[in-house]
Amino acid sequence: MMDHLIIILIGFVLAISLARIIIPNIIIISRRKGLFDLPDGRKVHRRPISRLGGVCFFPTILFAVTFLVALCKKAGWFFWMDGTTQFPELLLLCSGLTLLFIVGIADDLVGVRWRQKFLVQIFAAAMFPLAGLYVNDFYGMFGIYSISVYIGVPLSILLVVFITNAINLIDGIDGLASGLSIVALFVYGNLFIYNGLWLYSLLAFTTIGVLLPFFYYNVFGQAERGKKIFMGDTGSLTLGFILSFLTIKYTMNQYVMMNFNYNGAILVAFSVLLVPCLDVIRVVIRRVRNGKSPFLPDKTHIHHKFLAMGFTVRKAMITILFISFLFSLSNILLVSYIDNTLLFIVDVAAWTGMHMYMDKVIERKKAINNVTTD
C-alpha cells in the first residue's frame, strides 16, 4: 500500500511542478498576443485577464498519469486491479478529453456555438459506454436497483454532459470552479484509495496537483501586475469531464469489486457535485419559469447571490466551498444510517431552504438601499 501512496504522491508533485512552470508562461504569451477575457456588465472582473489557464490542465494530467503508469508497468509494479478494463477506460477518457480540449481552445480563442459544443460533448461522453462505464444501479434510491443497459447508457451520456456543463457554468468568480473541483477530487481520491482503486486515485490527485498552482494565480494573482488568469472553457470542460468519469466509475456496480458497492454508492458519488449540479437545475428552472432561454447567461447563480448579499468575492468562494464539503461529509457519514432516498430529499430541502433565506436577505438589503437612496 505504501508503494501505491508514493506513486500517487509523485504524480501529485509532478503535476504541481509542471503547472507551476506552464501557467506563468501562458500569462506571458497571452499578454504578448492580446489573448484576454474582456470585462463586461455580467462579469465580476474589471481588467482584461487571460482565460487560457485551462490549456495546461489536460496535457499536464496526461503526461503525469501516463508517465507514471508506464514506469509502473515497466518495473512490474502492481498498480491496477484489472488492466483489461482499466487501460481501455484510461485511453477512452483521454480520447474524450482530447475532443473537449480542442473545442475548449476554439471557444476560448474565437468562440464556438453552444449547439456545436453540445454535439462534441455528447460524442465525448459516448467514450464512457464504449469503455464499459455507465450507471447500471441506483442502489435502491427511489426504489430503483439494477438498470438496463438501454437506459443506463443514454442516462450516463446525459449525466456526463450535465456535469461537464455544471462545472462550466459555476465558473463565475475567482477560485470557485477550481475550488469545488479540488474538494470533489479530494473526496474521490480518498474513496478510491480506501477501495484499492489506485489508478483512479492517481488521476484525482494528479488533477488536484494541476489545480493548486492555477488556484493560486486565479485567486491571489494581481490583474494590474499581469499575474492573474482564468481557466476558460478549456479548463472547465476538462475538469467536468474528469469529474463525471470518476462519478460514473464510483457509481457503477461491477459486482466483482464489492468493497464499495453499498446502498449509498450513488448518493456518495454525486454528493461531491451537489452544489454545481443543483445550482444549474435551479437556474434553468428559474429561467424557463420566467420565459427566458435556459442557455442565456444571467446573474442568478449561487455566487451572484452571495455577492448580492454583500459578501466579497473571496468570502463567497470560501463559503460555497465549505457548503460543498459539508454536503459531501454529511452524506458520507450518514448514508450508512439513513435511507439514501430520504437523505437526498433532506439535501434538496436544505439547499432550497438556504436559497429561500438568501433571497429574503437580498430583498431586505435592496429595500434598505432603496430607502437610503430616496
Protein backbone atom coordinates (compact mmCIF):
# COMPACT_ATOMS: atom_id res chain seq x y z
CA MET A 1 0.00 0.00 0.00
CA MET A 2 2.83 2.40 0.84
CA ASP A 3 4.29 1.97 -2.68
CA HIS A 4 0.96 2.95 -4.18
CA LEU A 5 0.71 6.04 -2.00
CA ILE A 6 4.23 7.08 -3.00
CA ILE A 7 3.32 6.82 -6.69
CA ILE A 8 0.22 8.96 -6.09
CA LEU A 9 2.34 11.50 -4.18
CA ILE A 10 4.85 11.61 -7.06
CA GLY A 11 2.03 12.22 -9.54
CA PHE A 12 0.67 15.00 -7.32
CA VAL A 13 4.07 16.72 -7.00
CA LEU A 14 4.87 16.24 -10.70
CA ALA A 15 1.59 17.87 -11.72
CA ILE A 16 2.17 20.80 -9.36
CA SER A 17 5.69 21.32 -10.73
CA LEU A 18 4.64 21.24 -14.38
CA ALA A 19 1.64 23.54 -13.86
CA ARG A 20 3.81 25.95 -11.86
CA ILE A 21 6.15 26.22 -14.86
CA ILE A 22 3.49 26.35 -17.60
CA ILE A 23 0.94 28.79 -16.17
CA PRO A 24 3.27 31.84 -15.89
CA ASN A 25 4.33 31.26 -19.50
CA ILE A 26 0.69 31.13 -20.61
CA ILE A 27 0.18 34.51 -18.94
CA ILE A 28 3.19 35.95 -20.76
CA ILE A 29 2.05 34.61 -24.15
CA SER A 30 -1.49 35.89 -23.57
CA ARG A 31 -0.15 39.33 -22.76
CA ARG A 32 2.05 39.45 -25.85
CA LYS A 33 -0.68 38.20 -28.18
CA GLY A 34 -3.55 40.12 -26.58
CA LEU A 35 -5.49 36.96 -25.67
CA PHE A 36 -7.68 38.35 -22.89
CA ASP A 37 -11.13 37.91 -21.42
CA LEU A 38 -12.54 41.45 -21.56
CA PRO A 39 -14.81 42.71 -18.74
CA ASP A 40 -18.49 43.44 -19.33
CA GLY A 41 -21.63 44.09 -17.31
CA ARG A 42 -22.16 40.41 -16.39
CA LYS A 43 -18.60 39.67 -15.28
CA VAL A 44 -17.05 40.39 -11.91
CA HIS A 45 -13.54 41.33 -13.06
CA ARG A 46 -12.78 44.85 -14.25
CA ARG A 47 -9.48 44.32 -16.10
CA PRO A 48 -8.56 42.22 -19.16
CA ILE A 49 -7.37 38.81 -17.95
CA SER A 50 -6.09 35.77 -19.82
CA ARG A 51 -8.63 32.93 -19.95
CA LEU A 52 -6.21 30.26 -21.20
CA GLY A 53 -5.19 28.77 -17.83
CA GLY A 54 -7.07 25.58 -18.60
CA VAL A 55 -4.81 24.92 -21.59
CA CYS A 56 -2.27 23.34 -19.23
CA PHE A 57 -4.73 21.01 -17.46
CA PHE A 58 -5.13 18.13 -19.90
CA PRO A 59 -1.51 17.94 -21.19
CA THR A 60 -0.13 18.02 -17.64
CA ILE A 61 -2.56 15.39 -16.34
CA LEU A 62 -1.98 13.22 -19.41
CA PHE A 63 1.79 13.36 -19.05
CA ALA A 64 1.89 12.74 -15.30
CA VAL A 65 -0.58 9.83 -15.28
CA THR A 66 0.64 8.01 -18.40
CA PHE A 67 4.31 8.55 -17.47
CA LEU A 68 3.86 7.00 -14.02
CA VAL A 69 1.63 4.18 -15.27
CA ALA A 70 4.24 3.33 -17.92
CA LEU A 71 7.02 3.32 -15.30
CA CYS A 72 4.98 1.07 -13.02
CA LYS A 73 4.28 -1.30 -15.90
CA LYS A 74 7.94 -1.33 -16.93
CA ALA A 75 9.06 -2.02 -13.36
CA GLY A 76 6.44 -4.74 -12.92
CA TRP A 77 4.71 -2.95 -10.05
CA PHE A 78 1.11 -3.94 -9.36
CA PHE A 79 -0.67 -0.61 -9.62
CA TRP A 80 -4.06 -1.63 -11.02
CA MET A 81 -6.63 -4.28 -10.28
CA ASP A 82 -7.56 -5.25 -13.81
CA GLY A 83 -5.60 -3.85 -16.76
CA THR A 84 -8.05 -5.36 -19.26
CA THR A 85 -10.73 -2.89 -18.10
CA GLN A 86 -8.75 -0.01 -16.62
CA PHE A 87 -6.46 0.59 -19.60
CA PRO A 88 -9.34 0.96 -22.09
CA GLU A 89 -11.09 3.25 -19.62
CA LEU A 90 -7.99 5.42 -19.34
CA LEU A 91 -7.44 5.53 -23.11
CA LEU A 92 -11.06 6.38 -23.90
CA LEU A 93 -11.04 9.02 -21.16
CA CYS A 94 -8.07 10.60 -22.95
CA SER A 95 -9.93 10.35 -26.28
CA GLY A 96 -12.90 12.27 -24.89
CA LEU A 97 -10.64 14.82 -23.20
CA THR A 98 -8.84 15.41 -26.49
CA LEU A 99 -12.12 16.35 -28.19
CA LEU A 100 -13.12 18.68 -25.37
CA PHE A 101 -9.62 20.18 -25.27
CA ILE A 102 -9.88 21.10 -28.95
CA VAL A 103 -13.37 22.61 -28.72
CA GLY A 104 -12.44 24.38 -25.47
CA ILE A 105 -9.43 26.11 -27.02
CA ALA A 106 -11.52 27.10 -30.05
CA ASP A 107 -14.19 28.55 -27.78
CA ASP A 108 -11.68 30.48 -25.66
CA LEU A 109 -9.95 31.94 -28.73
CA VAL A 110 -12.69 32.60 -31.28
CA GLY A 111 -15.94 31.33 -29.77
CA VAL A 112 -17.99 28.20 -30.55
CA ARG A 113 -21.78 27.98 -30.81
CA TRP A 114 -23.45 26.13 -27.97
CA ARG A 115 -25.02 23.59 -30.35
CA GLN A 116 -21.60 22.60 -31.66
CA LYS A 117 -20.23 22.34 -28.12
CA PHE A 118 -23.13 20.10 -27.11
CA LEU A 119 -22.55 17.78 -30.06
CA VAL A 120 -18.87 17.42 -29.18
CA GLN A 121 -19.74 16.85 -25.51
CA ILE A 122 -22.24 14.12 -26.41
CA PHE A 123 -19.70 12.41 -28.66
CA ALA A 124 -17.04 12.65 -25.94
CA ALA A 125 -19.49 11.32 -23.32
CA ALA A 126 -20.10 8.27 -25.54
CA MET A 127 -16.49 7.23 -24.83
CA PHE A 128 -17.52 6.02 -21.37
CA PRO A 129 -20.07 3.40 -22.50
CA LEU A 130 -17.52 2.28 -25.12
CA ALA A 131 -15.19 1.57 -22.21
CA GLY A 132 -17.97 -0.31 -20.42
CA LEU A 133 -18.69 2.51 -17.96
CA TYR A 134 -22.28 3.54 -17.37
CA VAL A 135 -24.73 3.91 -14.48
CA ASN A 136 -26.18 0.43 -14.02
CA ASP A 137 -27.53 0.54 -10.48
CA PHE A 138 -29.41 3.09 -8.33
CA TYR A 139 -28.78 1.05 -5.15
CA GLY A 140 -32.39 1.39 -4.03
CA MET A 141 -32.68 5.16 -4.44
CA PHE A 142 -36.33 5.95 -5.23
CA GLY A 143 -36.90 2.19 -5.10
CA ILE A 144 -34.72 1.56 -8.17
CA TYR A 145 -31.94 -1.02 -8.19
CA SER A 146 -30.43 -2.63 -11.32
CA ILE A 147 -30.78 -0.60 -14.53
CA SER A 148 -30.94 -1.96 -18.06
CA VAL A 149 -28.08 -1.09 -20.39
CA TYR A 150 -30.60 0.51 -22.74
CA ILE A 151 -31.47 3.01 -20.00
CA GLY A 152 -28.09 3.22 -18.31
CA VAL A 153 -26.09 4.18 -21.39
CA PRO A 154 -28.18 7.19 -22.53
CA LEU A 155 -28.63 8.23 -18.88
CA SER A 156 -24.86 8.17 -18.39
CA ILE A 157 -24.24 10.24 -21.52
CA LEU A 158 -26.82 12.76 -20.29
CA LEU A 159 -25.15 12.89 -16.85
CA VAL A 160 -21.69 13.43 -18.34
CA VAL A 161 -22.93 16.34 -20.44
CA PHE A 162 -24.84 17.74 -17.45
CA ILE A 163 -21.90 17.54 -15.02
CA THR A 164 -19.47 18.95 -17.58
CA ASN A 165 -21.70 21.97 -18.17
CA ALA A 166 -22.40 22.37 -14.45
CA ILE A 167 -18.69 22.92 -13.80
CA ASN A 168 -18.54 25.26 -16.78
CA LEU A 169 -21.48 27.35 -15.56
CA ILE A 170 -20.33 27.57 -11.92
CA ASP A 171 -17.06 29.15 -13.07
CA GLY A 172 -18.20 32.69 -12.27
CA ILE A 173 -15.86 34.05 -9.57
CA ASP A 174 -12.23 33.53 -8.70
CA GLY A 175 -11.40 30.10 -7.35
CA LEU A 176 -14.94 28.71 -7.39
CA ALA A 177 -14.84 26.11 -10.17
CA SER A 178 -11.28 25.06 -9.32
CA GLY A 179 -12.03 25.05 -5.57
CA LEU A 180 -15.19 22.96 -5.95
CA SER A 181 -13.26 20.58 -8.21
CA ILE A 182 -10.46 20.28 -5.64
CA VAL A 183 -12.99 19.40 -2.93
CA ALA A 184 -14.65 16.80 -5.16
CA LEU A 185 -11.35 15.33 -6.35
CA PHE A 186 -10.02 15.12 -2.79
CA VAL A 187 -13.09 13.15 -1.71
CA TYR A 188 -12.90 10.88 -4.76
CA GLY A 189 -9.16 10.35 -4.36
CA ASN A 190 -9.58 9.14 -0.79
CA LEU A 191 -12.62 7.00 -1.63
CA PHE A 192 -10.68 5.23 -4.38
CA ILE A 193 -7.68 4.74 -2.07
CA TYR A 194 -10.00 3.20 0.53
CA ASN A 195 -11.34 0.79 -2.11
CA GLY A 196 -7.94 -0.05 -3.58
CA LEU A 197 -8.59 1.56 -6.99
CA TRP A 198 -5.20 3.22 -7.18
CA LEU A 199 -5.24 4.29 -10.82
CA TYR A 200 -8.34 6.44 -10.30
CA SER A 201 -6.91 7.92 -7.12
CA LEU A 202 -3.78 8.82 -9.09
CA LEU A 203 -5.96 10.61 -11.66
CA ALA A 204 -7.81 12.51 -8.91
CA PHE A 205 -4.73 13.68 -7.01
CA THR A 206 -2.82 14.50 -10.20
CA THR A 207 -5.69 16.74 -11.24
CA ILE A 208 -5.57 18.42 -7.81
CA GLY A 209 -1.85 18.96 -8.40
CA VAL A 210 -2.60 20.82 -11.64
CA LEU A 211 -5.29 22.92 -9.98
CA LEU A 212 -3.31 24.17 -6.99
CA PRO A 213 -0.93 26.48 -8.94
CA PHE A 214 -3.84 27.65 -11.08
CA PHE A 215 -5.89 28.34 -7.94
CA TYR A 216 -3.07 30.50 -6.59
CA TYR A 217 -2.81 32.61 -9.76
CA ASN A 218 -6.59 32.78 -10.15
CA VAL A 219 -7.36 33.82 -6.56
CA PHE A 220 -4.26 35.64 -5.36
CA GLY A 221 -2.80 36.85 -8.66
CA GLN A 222 -2.97 40.60 -9.25
CA ALA A 223 -4.57 41.59 -12.56
CA GLU A 224 -2.89 45.01 -12.60
CA ARG A 225 0.51 43.29 -12.50
CA GLY A 226 -0.42 40.72 -15.15
CA LYS A 227 -0.31 37.80 -12.70
CA LYS A 228 -3.94 36.68 -12.84
CA ILE A 229 -5.50 34.01 -15.06
CA PHE A 230 -8.83 32.27 -15.71
CA MET A 231 -9.29 28.63 -16.74
CA GLY A 232 -11.70 29.35 -19.61
CA ASP A 233 -13.86 26.70 -21.26
CA THR A 234 -10.79 24.56 -21.93
CA GLY A 235 -10.24 24.14 -18.21
CA SER A 236 -13.86 23.84 -17.08
CA LEU A 237 -14.70 21.25 -19.76
CA THR A 238 -11.62 19.22 -18.79
CA LEU A 239 -12.50 19.29 -15.10
CA GLY A 240 -16.16 18.50 -15.70
CA PHE A 241 -15.30 15.52 -17.88
CA ILE A 242 -12.80 14.08 -15.39
CA LEU A 243 -15.25 14.54 -12.52
CA SER A 244 -18.04 12.86 -14.48
CA PHE A 245 -15.68 9.97 -15.28
CA LEU A 246 -14.82 9.46 -11.60
CA THR A 247 -18.50 9.81 -10.63
CA ILE A 248 -19.69 7.11 -13.02
CA LYS A 249 -16.74 4.87 -12.15
CA TYR A 250 -17.57 5.03 -8.45
CA THR A 251 -21.31 4.66 -9.09
CA MET A 252 -21.13 1.68 -11.43
CA ASN A 253 -21.83 -1.67 -9.80
CA GLN A 254 -19.28 -4.03 -11.31
CA TYR A 255 -20.24 -6.87 -8.96
CA VAL A 256 -16.75 -8.36 -8.96
CA MET A 257 -15.48 -5.43 -6.84
CA MET A 258 -17.87 -5.38 -3.92
CA ASN A 259 -15.76 -3.35 -1.48
CA PHE A 260 -17.51 -0.11 -2.30
CA ASN A 261 -20.85 -1.24 -3.71
CA TYR A 262 -23.17 -0.43 -0.83
CA ASN A 263 -26.62 1.11 -0.81
CA GLY A 264 -25.38 4.70 -0.75
CA ALA A 265 -22.86 4.50 -3.59
CA ILE A 266 -24.79 6.69 -6.00
CA LEU A 267 -25.58 9.33 -3.37
CA VAL A 268 -21.97 9.46 -2.18
CA ALA A 269 -20.75 9.69 -5.77
CA PHE A 270 -22.95 12.68 -6.57
CA SER A 271 -22.75 14.38 -3.17
CA VAL A 272 -19.42 15.99 -4.07
CA LEU A 273 -21.12 17.65 -7.06
CA LEU A 274 -24.41 18.65 -5.43
CA VAL A 275 -23.58 22.36 -5.32
CA PRO A 276 -22.82 22.88 -9.04
CA CYS A 277 -25.48 20.39 -10.19
CA LEU A 278 -28.30 21.70 -8.01
CA ASP A 279 -27.33 25.25 -8.87
CA VAL A 280 -27.66 24.56 -12.61
CA ILE A 281 -31.05 22.88 -12.12
CA ARG A 282 -32.31 25.81 -10.03
CA VAL A 283 -31.08 28.42 -12.51
CA VAL A 284 -32.52 26.62 -15.55
CA ILE A 285 -35.92 26.16 -13.87
CA ARG A 286 -35.97 29.83 -12.90
CA ARG A 287 -35.11 30.96 -16.44
CA VAL A 288 -37.76 28.73 -18.03
CA ARG A 289 -40.35 29.82 -15.48
CA ASN A 290 -39.61 33.47 -16.34
CA GLY A 291 -39.96 32.77 -20.07
CA LYS A 292 -36.24 33.11 -20.80
CA SER A 293 -33.91 30.80 -22.69
CA PRO A 294 -32.12 28.38 -20.32
CA PHE A 295 -28.92 28.92 -22.33
CA LEU A 296 -28.73 32.69 -21.99
CA PRO A 297 -26.38 33.86 -19.21
CA ASP A 298 -27.59 35.93 -16.28
CA LYS A 299 -26.59 36.76 -12.71
CA THR A 300 -28.70 34.28 -10.74
CA HIS A 301 -26.10 31.64 -9.82
CA ILE A 302 -25.29 30.96 -6.19
CA HIS A 303 -22.12 33.08 -6.28
CA HIS A 304 -24.09 36.01 -7.66
CA LYS A 305 -26.48 35.67 -4.71
CA PHE A 306 -23.67 35.75 -2.19
CA LEU A 307 -22.25 38.86 -3.86
CA ALA A 308 -25.69 40.48 -3.78
CA MET A 309 -25.84 39.73 -0.04
CA GLY A 310 -22.70 41.79 0.44
CA PHE A 311 -20.06 39.06 0.50
CA THR A 312 -16.68 39.78 -1.05
CA VAL A 313 -15.65 37.52 -3.95
CA ARG A 314 -13.22 35.61 -1.75
CA LYS A 315 -15.67 35.16 1.14
CA ALA A 316 -18.36 33.99 -1.28
CA MET A 317 -15.95 31.44 -2.76
CA ILE A 318 -14.86 30.11 0.63
CA THR A 319 -18.47 29.86 1.86
CA ILE A 320 -19.58 27.89 -1.21
CA LEU A 321 -16.60 25.53 -0.90
CA PHE A 322 -17.49 24.94 2.74
CA ILE A 323 -21.11 24.18 1.78
CA SER A 324 -19.92 21.67 -0.83
CA PHE A 325 -17.58 19.96 1.63
CA LEU A 326 -20.36 19.87 4.24
CA PHE A 327 -22.73 18.14 1.79
CA SER A 328 -20.06 15.57 0.94
CA LEU A 329 -19.00 14.86 4.52
CA SER A 330 -22.53 14.64 5.92
CA ASN A 331 -23.71 12.28 3.16
CA ILE A 332 -20.70 10.00 3.55
CA LEU A 333 -21.17 9.82 7.33
CA LEU A 334 -24.96 9.48 7.34
CA VAL A 335 -25.63 7.24 4.33
CA SER A 336 -24.98 4.09 6.37
CA TYR A 337 -27.64 5.10 8.90
CA ILE A 338 -30.28 6.91 6.84
CA ASP A 339 -32.11 5.70 3.74
CA ASN A 340 -30.38 7.21 0.69
CA THR A 341 -33.65 8.47 -0.81
CA LEU A 342 -34.56 10.27 2.42
CA LEU A 343 -31.04 11.68 2.72
CA PHE A 344 -31.20 13.04 -0.82
CA ILE A 345 -34.56 14.68 -0.08
CA VAL A 346 -33.01 16.27 3.01
CA ASP A 347 -30.14 17.57 0.84
CA VAL A 348 -32.56 19.16 -1.63
CA ALA A 349 -34.67 20.59 1.20
CA ALA A 350 -31.58 22.10 2.85
CA TRP A 351 -30.48 23.56 -0.49
CA THR A 352 -33.94 25.03 -1.14
CA GLY A 353 -34.21 26.45 2.38
CA MET A 354 -30.79 28.06 2.07
CA HIS A 355 -31.80 29.82 -1.16
CA MET A 356 -35.08 31.00 0.33
CA TYR A 357 -33.15 32.55 3.20
CA MET A 358 -30.65 34.14 0.78
CA ASP A 359 -33.49 35.61 -1.31
CA LYS A 360 -35.01 37.20 1.79
CA VAL A 361 -31.65 38.70 2.78
CA ILE A 362 -31.15 40.10 -0.73
CA GLU A 363 -34.67 41.58 -0.80
CA ARG A 364 -34.14 43.15 2.64
CA LYS A 365 -30.82 44.60 1.51
CA LYS A 366 -32.41 46.06 -1.64
CA ALA A 367 -35.21 47.59 0.40
CA ILE A 368 -32.73 49.24 2.77
CA ASN A 369 -30.70 50.57 -0.19
CA ASN A 370 -33.84 51.97 -1.81
CA VAL A 371 -34.85 53.75 1.40
CA THR A 372 -31.33 55.15 1.77
CA THR A 373 -31.31 56.35 -1.86
CA ASP A 374 -34.71 58.03 -1.51
